Protein backbone atom coordinates (compact mmCIF):
# COMPACT_ATOMS: atom_id res chain seq x y z
CA MET A 1 33.47 -29.05 -203.40
CA ARG A 2 30.97 -28.49 -206.19
CA LYS A 3 28.49 -25.69 -205.98
CA SER A 4 25.62 -28.09 -206.36
CA THR A 5 26.91 -30.10 -203.40
CA LEU A 6 27.17 -26.91 -201.30
CA VAL A 7 23.60 -25.77 -202.31
CA ALA A 8 22.22 -29.28 -201.26
CA LEU A 9 23.97 -29.11 -197.99
CA VAL A 10 22.67 -25.61 -197.23
CA ILE A 11 19.13 -26.76 -198.14
CA LEU A 12 19.51 -29.87 -195.90
CA VAL A 13 20.77 -27.77 -192.96
CA LEU A 14 17.87 -25.24 -193.41
CA ALA A 15 15.37 -28.12 -193.63
CA LEU A 16 16.79 -29.62 -190.39
CA VAL A 17 16.64 -26.25 -188.54
CA GLY A 18 12.95 -25.88 -189.83
CA VAL A 19 12.02 -29.34 -188.60
CA THR A 20 13.61 -28.72 -185.24
CA VAL A 21 11.70 -25.45 -184.78
CA LEU A 22 8.53 -27.07 -185.80
CA LEU A 23 9.05 -29.91 -183.38
CA LYS A 24 9.67 -27.48 -180.63
CA VAL A 25 6.45 -25.61 -181.28
CA TYR A 26 4.60 -28.98 -181.37
CA THR A 27 6.06 -30.24 -178.07
CA ASP A 28 5.58 -26.90 -176.27
CA GLN A 29 1.88 -27.69 -176.43
CA PHE A 30 2.43 -30.60 -174.14
CA ALA A 31 4.93 -29.21 -171.89
CA GLU A 32 2.46 -27.61 -169.52
CA GLU A 33 0.41 -30.79 -169.23
CA ILE A 34 3.57 -32.78 -168.51
CA LYS A 35 4.53 -30.32 -165.83
CA GLN A 36 0.97 -30.27 -164.30
CA ALA A 37 0.86 -34.17 -164.45
CA LYS A 38 4.14 -34.48 -162.55
CA ALA A 39 2.95 -32.00 -159.93
CA MET A 40 -0.41 -33.74 -159.50
CA THR A 41 1.27 -37.20 -159.29
CA ALA A 42 3.48 -35.80 -156.50
CA ALA A 43 0.55 -34.14 -154.71
CA PHE A 44 -1.64 -37.24 -154.92
CA ALA A 45 1.12 -39.93 -154.52
CA ALA A 46 -0.55 -41.40 -151.36
CA ASP A 47 -3.79 -42.00 -153.36
CA LEU A 48 -2.14 -43.57 -156.33
CA ALA A 49 -1.05 -47.18 -156.90
CA PRO A 50 2.72 -47.56 -156.50
CA ASP A 51 4.77 -46.61 -159.58
CA SER A 52 1.70 -45.06 -161.33
CA THR A 53 1.47 -41.55 -162.59
CA ILE A 54 -1.29 -39.16 -163.57
CA LYS A 55 -1.59 -38.50 -167.30
CA LEU A 56 -3.12 -35.31 -168.57
CA ALA A 57 -4.22 -34.05 -172.03
CA ARG A 58 -5.77 -30.65 -172.76
CA VAL A 59 -8.42 -31.14 -175.41
CA HIS A 60 -11.42 -29.41 -177.09
CA GLY A 61 -14.75 -31.07 -176.66
CA THR A 62 -15.80 -33.58 -179.34
CA SER A 63 -18.12 -36.48 -179.63
CA ARG A 64 -15.36 -38.70 -178.15
CA TYR A 65 -15.35 -36.77 -174.81
CA VAL A 66 -17.89 -36.09 -172.08
CA VAL A 67 -18.29 -32.54 -173.38
CA THR A 68 -19.17 -32.25 -177.10
CA ASP A 69 -18.94 -28.52 -177.59
CA PRO A 70 -15.75 -27.81 -179.55
CA GLY A 71 -15.56 -24.35 -177.98
CA SER A 72 -15.14 -25.89 -174.52
CA ILE A 73 -11.62 -26.83 -173.40
CA GLY A 74 -11.08 -29.59 -170.83
CA LEU A 75 -8.69 -32.24 -169.56
CA LEU A 76 -8.53 -35.93 -169.95
CA LEU A 77 -7.10 -37.31 -166.72
CA GLU A 78 -5.97 -40.87 -166.47
CA ALA A 79 -4.97 -42.31 -163.11
CA ARG A 80 -4.72 -45.61 -161.24
CA PRO A 81 -5.76 -45.20 -157.59
CA SER A 82 -4.36 -47.41 -154.96
CA GLU A 83 -6.13 -50.35 -153.29
CA ALA A 84 -6.69 -48.32 -150.25
CA SER A 85 -8.30 -45.53 -152.23
CA TRP A 86 -10.65 -48.03 -153.86
CA ARG A 87 -11.61 -49.44 -150.55
CA ALA A 88 -12.29 -45.98 -149.08
CA ASP A 89 -14.16 -44.89 -152.14
CA PRO A 90 -15.46 -47.67 -154.44
CA THR A 91 -16.78 -45.28 -157.08
CA GLY A 92 -13.71 -43.15 -157.37
CA THR A 93 -15.66 -39.87 -157.15
CA VAL A 94 -14.00 -38.54 -153.96
CA LEU A 95 -10.54 -38.75 -155.57
CA ALA A 96 -12.01 -37.46 -158.82
CA ARG A 97 -13.40 -34.35 -157.09
CA ARG A 98 -10.06 -33.67 -155.36
CA LEU A 99 -8.17 -34.08 -158.62
CA ALA A 100 -10.64 -31.76 -160.42
CA ARG A 101 -10.40 -29.06 -157.79
CA HIS A 102 -6.64 -29.29 -158.04
CA ALA A 103 -6.73 -29.14 -161.86
CA PHE A 104 -9.07 -26.16 -161.97
CA ASP A 105 -6.85 -24.27 -159.42
CA ALA A 106 -3.63 -25.23 -161.35
CA TYR A 107 -4.61 -24.02 -164.67
CA PRO A 108 -4.30 -20.27 -165.02
CA VAL A 109 -6.71 -17.76 -166.51
CA ASP A 110 -4.72 -17.67 -169.81
CA ARG A 111 -5.05 -21.52 -170.22
CA PRO A 112 -8.31 -22.34 -168.50
CA VAL A 113 -10.10 -25.63 -168.52
CA ASP A 114 -13.89 -25.97 -168.04
CA TRP A 115 -14.25 -29.75 -167.44
CA VAL A 116 -12.26 -32.84 -166.56
CA GLN A 117 -12.97 -36.38 -167.98
CA PHE A 118 -11.70 -39.22 -165.81
CA ARG A 119 -10.25 -42.55 -166.83
CA LEU A 120 -9.72 -44.34 -163.58
CA SER A 121 -8.53 -47.89 -163.53
CA ARG A 122 -8.43 -50.40 -160.71
CA PRO A 123 -5.19 -52.21 -159.71
CA ASP A 124 -6.29 -55.37 -161.59
CA GLY A 125 -6.52 -53.21 -164.82
CA THR A 126 -10.27 -52.93 -165.12
CA ARG A 127 -11.42 -49.41 -166.06
CA LEU A 128 -14.30 -47.53 -164.44
CA PRO A 129 -16.78 -46.09 -166.94
CA GLU A 130 -15.61 -42.64 -167.88
CA PHE A 131 -17.26 -39.73 -166.23
CA GLY A 132 -16.64 -35.98 -166.05
CA LEU A 133 -16.91 -33.06 -163.71
CA ARG A 134 -17.19 -29.42 -164.59
CA ARG A 135 -16.92 -26.12 -162.81
CA GLY A 136 -19.90 -25.09 -160.89
CA ALA A 137 -20.76 -21.83 -158.99
CA GLY A 138 -17.94 -20.75 -156.69
CA ASP A 139 -15.74 -23.85 -155.80
CA GLY A 140 -18.54 -26.19 -156.64
CA LEU A 141 -18.15 -29.10 -159.02
CA LEU A 142 -21.00 -30.53 -161.11
CA PRO A 143 -21.16 -33.95 -162.92
CA VAL A 144 -21.30 -33.73 -166.68
CA GLU A 145 -24.83 -34.71 -167.69
CA ALA A 146 -25.41 -38.27 -168.87
CA PRO A 147 -26.65 -37.38 -172.46
CA ALA A 148 -23.35 -35.78 -173.24
CA MET A 149 -21.62 -39.03 -172.22
CA GLY A 150 -23.42 -41.26 -174.59
CA GLY A 151 -25.84 -42.55 -172.03
CA ASP A 152 -23.37 -43.64 -169.23
CA ALA A 153 -24.45 -42.02 -165.96
CA PRO A 154 -21.51 -40.70 -163.80
CA PRO A 155 -21.08 -42.34 -160.54
CA ARG A 156 -22.64 -40.49 -157.61
């Protein structure tokens, strides 16, 4: 083997190791949300449509979310409640409050979330207008104010 070929192979191997390490660092950010989403899906399986899962993403506030403060960290929560859940609660707020309480309890002090934005869809695929809940005093939950949501009022 020539020296140049050997050097090229060493560079290639080092590059692959570097990319693997960077990919692990990148995916570790989402591992906690995947774990929490699986746990929430299992805990709320009776309230969800068959074969549906809860999806979570931990995000900083921006103009695209219900909270615009970039220093505030929250969760985007996407779920598809079952027909029975929609019949019992046409606005989706009862399930949303239960999901928010669970999320606030599940996220530890070292990775806190201050708010949850909900993307709930009906079994026919139509989506409810997005709304959010934030921590209140004690165990209380407060709706995110309408001006932060671009004028859409949260369901009551």
